[in-house]
PDB file of N, CA and C in Angstrom:
ATOM      1  N   MET A   1      -2.139 -52.957 -88.674  1.00  0.00           N
ATOM      2  CA  MET A   1      -1.195 -51.995 -89.277  1.00  0.00           C
ATOM      3  C   MET A   1      -1.578 -50.629 -88.555  1.00  0.00           C
ATOM      4  N   LYS A   2      -2.790 -50.594 -88.226  1.00  0.00           N
ATOM      5  CA  LYS A   2      -3.255 -49.273 -87.453  1.00  0.00           C
ATOM      6  C   LYS A   2      -2.395 -49.144 -86.230  1.00  0.00           C
ATOM      7  N   PHE A   3      -1.957 -50.075 -85.680  1.00  0.00           N
ATOM      8  CA  PHE A   3      -1.237 -49.874 -84.413  1.00  0.00           C
ATOM      9  C   PHE A   3      -0.094 -49.343 -84.702  1.00  0.00           C
ATOM     10  N   LEU A   4       0.859 -49.714 -85.678  1.00  0.00           N
ATOM     11  CA  LEU A   4       2.032 -49.071 -86.018  1.00  0.00           C
ATOM     12  C   LEU A   4       1.790 -47.764 -86.471  1.00  0.00           C
ATOM     13  N   ALA A   5       0.948 -47.251 -87.333  1.00  0.00           N
ATOM     14  CA  ALA A   5       0.523 -45.987 -87.678  1.00  0.00           C
ATOM     15  C   ALA A   5       0.321 -45.056 -86.430  1.00  0.00           C
ATOM     16  N   GLY A   6      -0.467 -45.619 -85.434  1.00  0.00           N
ATOM     17  CA  GLY A   6      -0.706 -45.003 -84.281  1.00  0.00           C
ATOM     18  C   GLY A   6       0.490 -44.450 -83.482  1.00  0.00           C
ATOM     19  N   ILE A   7       1.397 -45.365 -83.388  1.00  0.00           N
ATOM     20  CA  ILE A   7       2.804 -45.175 -82.832  1.00  0.00           C
ATOM     21  C   ILE A   7       3.317 -43.996 -83.296  1.00  0.00           C
ATOM     22  N   PHE A   8       3.594 -44.093 -84.574  1.00  0.00           N
ATOM     23  CA  PHE A   8       4.303 -42.862 -85.239  1.00  0.00           C
ATOM     24  C   PHE A   8       3.432 -41.634 -85.298  1.00  0.00           C
ATOM     25  N   GLN A   9       2.152 -41.619 -85.100  1.00  0.00           N
ATOM     26  CA  GLN A   9       1.362 -40.444 -84.898  1.00  0.00           C
ATOM     27  C   GLN A   9       1.633 -39.878 -83.462  1.00  0.00           C
ATOM     28  N   ILE A  10       1.737 -40.769 -82.499  1.00  0.00           N
ATOM     29  CA  ILE A  10       2.066 -40.347 -81.100  1.00  0.00           C
ATOM     30  C   ILE A  10       3.373 -39.762 -81.070  1.00  0.00           C
ATOM     31  N   LEU A  11       4.270 -40.291 -81.811  1.00  0.00           N
ATOM     32  CA  LEU A  11       5.634 -39.883 -81.634  1.00  0.00           C
ATOM     33  C   LEU A  11       5.869 -38.308 -82.373  1.00  0.00           C
ATOM     34  N   GLU A  12       5.096 -38.171 -83.246  1.00  0.00           N
ATOM     35  CA  GLU A  12       5.062 -36.925 -84.091  1.00  0.00           C
ATOM     36  C   GLU A  12       4.531 -35.735 -83.277  1.00  0.00           C
ATOM     37  N   HIS A  13       3.468 -36.128 -82.312  1.00  0.00           N
ATOM     38  CA  HIS A  13       3.030 -35.230 -81.546  1.00  0.00           C
ATOM     39  C   HIS A  13       3.562 -35.037 -80.152  1.00  0.00           C
ATOM     40  N   THR A  14       4.700 -35.793 -79.940  1.00  0.00           N
ATOM     41  CA  THR A  14       5.438 -35.711 -78.709  1.00  0.00           C
ATOM     42  C   THR A  14       6.326 -34.466 -78.740  1.00  0.00           C
ATOM     43  N   SER A  15       6.586 -33.687 -77.573  1.00  0.00           N
ATOM     44  CA  SER A  15       7.359 -32.624 -77.548  1.00  0.00           C
ATOM     45  C   SER A  15       8.748 -33.087 -76.876  1.00  0.00           C
ATOM     46  N   TRP A  16       9.781 -32.944 -77.799  1.00  0.00           N
ATOM     47  CA  TRP A  16      11.049 -33.635 -77.359  1.00  0.00           C
ATOM     48  C   TRP A  16      11.724 -32.377 -76.671  1.00  0.00           C
ATOM     49  N   PRO A  17      12.750 -32.715 -75.796  1.00  0.00           N
ATOM     50  CA  PRO A  17      13.423 -31.661 -75.266  1.00  0.00           C
ATOM     51  C   PRO A  17      14.473 -30.999 -76.079  1.00  0.00           C
ATOM     52  N   THR A  18      14.901 -29.797 -75.771  1.00  0.00           N
ATOM     53  CA  THR A  18      15.863 -29.146 -76.411  1.00  0.00           C
ATOM     54  C   THR A  18      17.248 -29.493 -76.178  1.00  0.00           C
ATOM     55  N   PRO A  19      18.296 -29.373 -76.988  1.00  0.00           N
ATOM     56  CA  PRO A  19      19.740 -29.858 -76.422  1.00  0.00           C
ATOM     57  C   PRO A  19      19.983 -29.214 -75.166  1.00  0.00           C
ATOM     58  N   ARG A  20      19.718 -28.037 -74.953  1.00  0.00           N
ATOM     59  CA  ARG A  20      20.075 -27.429 -73.529  1.00  0.00           C
ATOM     60  C   ARG A  20      19.380 -28.195 -72.539  1.00  0.00           C
ATOM     61  N   GLN A  21      17.975 -28.493 -72.675  1.00  0.00           N
ATOM     62  CA  GLN A  21      17.260 -29.253 -71.604  1.00  0.00           C
ATOM     63  C   GLN A  21      17.857 -30.549 -71.475  1.00  0.00           C
ATOM     64  N   ARG A  22      18.306 -31.299 -72.635  1.00  0.00           N
ATOM     65  CA  ARG A  22      18.964 -32.506 -72.385  1.00  0.00           C
ATOM     66  C   ARG A  22      20.213 -32.612 -71.589  1.00  0.00           C
ATOM     67  N   TRP A  23      21.011 -31.421 -71.754  1.00  0.00           N
ATOM     68  CA  TRP A  23      22.241 -31.184 -70.987  1.00  0.00           C
ATOM     69  C   TRP A  23      21.900 -31.176 -69.449  1.00  0.00           C
ATOM     70  N   LYS A  24      20.866 -30.277 -69.239  1.00  0.00           N
ATOM     71  CA  LYS A  24      20.473 -29.949 -67.817  1.00  0.00           C
ATOM     72  C   LYS A  24      19.989 -31.429 -67.076  1.00  0.00           C
ATOM     73  N   ASP A  25      19.236 -32.216 -67.976  1.00  0.00           N
ATOM     74  CA  ASP A  25      18.789 -33.474 -67.436  1.00  0.00           C
ATOM     75  C   ASP A  25      19.892 -34.411 -67.164  1.00  0.00           C
ATOM     76  N   PHE A  26      20.891 -34.285 -68.037  1.00  0.00           N
ATOM     77  CA  PHE A  26      22.172 -35.319 -68.025  1.00  0.00           C
ATOM     78  C   PHE A  26      22.861 -35.000 -66.745  1.00  0.00           C
ATOM     79  N   PHE A  27      23.110 -33.589 -66.528  1.00  0.00           N
ATOM     80  CA  PHE A  27      23.774 -33.314 -65.204  1.00  0.00           C
ATOM     81  C   PHE A  27      22.963 -33.443 -63.886  1.00  0.00           C
ATOM     82  N   ALA A  28      21.657 -33.319 -64.022  1.00  0.00           N
ATOM     83  CA  ALA A  28      20.796 -33.595 -62.815  1.00  0.00           C
ATOM     84  C   ALA A  28      20.910 -35.134 -62.449  1.00  0.00           C
ATOM     85  N   ILE A  29      21.052 -36.052 -63.564  1.00  0.00           N
ATOM     86  CA  ILE A  29      21.151 -37.504 -63.412  1.00  0.00           C
ATOM     87  C   ILE A  29      22.432 -37.789 -62.622  1.00  0.00           C
ATOM     88  N   LEU A  30      23.493 -37.049 -63.201  1.00  0.00           N
ATOM     89  CA  LEU A  30      24.744 -37.260 -62.593  1.00  0.00           C
ATOM     90  C   LEU A  30      24.896 -36.746 -61.136  1.00  0.00           C
ATOM     91  N   GLU A  31      24.252 -35.694 -60.932  1.00  0.00           N
ATOM     92  CA  GLU A  31      24.201 -35.225 -59.310  1.00  0.00           C
ATOM     93  C   GLU A  31      23.378 -36.288 -58.530  1.00  0.00           C
ATOM     94  N   TYR A  32      22.294 -36.679 -59.040  1.00  0.00           N
ATOM     95  CA  TYR A  32      21.663 -37.508 -58.028  1.00  0.00           C
ATOM     96  C   TYR A  32      22.344 -38.863 -57.822  1.00  0.00           C
ATOM     97  N   THR A  33      23.083 -39.339 -58.896  1.00  0.00           N
ATOM     98  CA  THR A  33      23.865 -40.607 -58.959  1.00  0.00           C
ATOM     99  C   THR A  33      24.988 -40.315 -57.952  1.00  0.00           C
ATOM    100  N   LEU A  34      25.761 -39.229 -57.894  1.00  0.00           N
ATOM    101  CA  LEU A  34      26.846 -39.044 -57.027  1.00  0.00           C
ATOM    102  C   LEU A  34      26.179 -38.836 -55.594  1.00  0.00           C
ATOM    103  N   PHE A  35      25.126 -38.214 -55.397  1.00  0.00           N
ATOM    104  CA  PHE A  35      24.546 -38.039 -54.135  1.00  0.00           C
ATOM    105  C   PHE A  35      24.205 -39.468 -53.380  1.00  0.00           C
ATOM    106  N   PHE A  36      23.572 -40.332 -54.285  1.00  0.00           N
ATOM    107  CA  PHE A  36      23.169 -41.659 -53.580  1.00  0.00           C
ATOM    108  C   PHE A  36      24.408 -42.353 -53.492  1.00  0.00           C
ATOM    109  N   THR A  37      25.414 -42.192 -54.205  1.00  0.00           N
ATOM    110  CA  THR A  37      26.696 -42.942 -54.281  1.00  0.00           C
ATOM    111  C   THR A  37      27.464 -42.723 -52.849  1.00  0.00           C
ATOM    112  N   VAL A  38      27.334 -41.443 -52.619  1.00  0.00           N
ATOM    113  CA  VAL A  38      27.980 -40.913 -51.276  1.00  0.00           C
ATOM    114  C   VAL A  38      27.070 -41.367 -50.068  1.00  0.00           C
ATOM    115  N   ILE A  39      25.740 -41.344 -50.269  1.00  0.00           N
ATOM    116  CA  ILE A  39      25.042 -41.908 -49.103  1.00  0.00           C
ATOM    117  C   ILE A  39      25.180 -43.441 -48.788  1.00  0.00           C
ATOM    118  N   ILE A  40      25.216 -44.123 -49.960  1.00  0.00           N
ATOM    119  CA  ILE A  40      25.333 -45.525 -49.884  1.00  0.00           C
ATOM    120  C   ILE A  40      26.651 -45.945 -49.316  1.00  0.00           C
ATOM    121  N   TYR A  41      27.726 -45.135 -49.727  1.00  0.00           N
ATOM    122  CA  TYR A  41      29.039 -45.489 -49.396  1.00  0.00           C
ATOM    123  C   TYR A  41      29.100 -45.100 -47.739  1.00  0.00           C
ATOM    124  N   ALA A  42      28.558 -43.935 -47.330  1.00  0.00           N
ATOM    125  CA  ALA A  42      28.710 -43.593 -45.915  1.00  0.00           C
ATOM    126  C   ALA A  42      27.910 -44.586 -44.968  1.00  0.00           C
ATOM    127  N   PHE A  43      26.743 -45.031 -45.432  1.00  0.00           N
ATOM    128  CA  PHE A  43      25.991 -46.119 -44.795  1.00  0.00           C
ATOM    129  C   PHE A  43      26.688 -47.412 -44.679  1.00  0.00           C
ATOM    130  N   ASP A  44      27.505 -47.713 -45.775  1.00  0.00           N
ATOM    131  CA  ASP A  44      28.179 -48.891 -45.725  1.00  0.00           C
ATOM    132  C   ASP A  44      29.297 -48.721 -44.746  1.00  0.00           C
ATOM    133  N   PHE A  45      30.110 -47.669 -44.884  1.00  0.00           N
ATOM    134  CA  PHE A  45      31.181 -47.526 -43.812  1.00  0.00           C
ATOM    135  C   PHE A  45      30.725 -47.506 -42.469  1.00  0.00           C
ATOM    136  N   VAL A  46      29.567 -46.807 -42.100  1.00  0.00           N
ATOM    137  CA  VAL A  46      29.091 -46.891 -40.754  1.00  0.00           C
ATOM    138  C   VAL A  46      28.687 -48.440 -40.312  1.00  0.00           C
ATOM    139  N   LEU A  47      28.195 -49.052 -41.188  1.00  0.00           N
ATOM    140  CA  LEU A  47      27.752 -50.502 -41.020  1.00  0.00           C
ATOM    141  C   LEU A  47      28.942 -51.411 -40.588  1.00  0.00           C
ATOM    142  N   ARG A  48      29.956 -51.202 -41.574  1.00  0.00           N
ATOM    143  CA  ARG A  48      31.378 -51.909 -41.535  1.00  0.00           C
ATOM    144  C   ARG A  48      31.847 -51.666 -40.035  1.00  0.00           C
ATOM    145  N   TRP A  49      32.016 -50.304 -39.714  1.00  0.00           N
ATOM    146  CA  TRP A  49      32.594 -49.800 -38.550  1.00  0.00           C
ATOM    147  C   TRP A  49      31.707 -50.405 -37.264  1.00  0.00           C
ATOM    148  N   GLY A  50      30.539 -50.467 -37.325  1.00  0.00           N
ATOM    149  CA  GLY A  50      29.734 -50.892 -36.322  1.00  0.00           C
ATOM    150  C   GLY A  50      29.860 -52.382 -36.197  1.00  0.00           C
ATOM    151  N   VAL A  51      30.090 -53.231 -37.177  1.00  0.00           N
ATOM    152  CA  VAL A  51      30.138 -54.566 -36.950  1.00  0.00           C
ATOM    153  C   VAL A  51      31.351 -55.108 -36.590  1.00  0.00           C
ATOM    154  N   ASN A  52      32.472 -54.368 -36.974  1.00  0.00           N
ATOM    155  CA  ASN A  52      33.904 -54.660 -36.628  1.00  0.00           C
ATOM    156  C   ASN A  52      34.051 -54.261 -35.149  1.00  0.00           C
TER     157      ASN A  52
END
């Protein structure tokens, strides 16, 4: 039971992000996703163009 109490103690001392920081993180994730999607799509297009 000390293990579970320890988990809750750690969670109480954790600093959670503010709502504004959560939105910033969310948009950062979307930007990275879009960036890598474009890179992968471009790489796929170049490979398809080169193979054909």
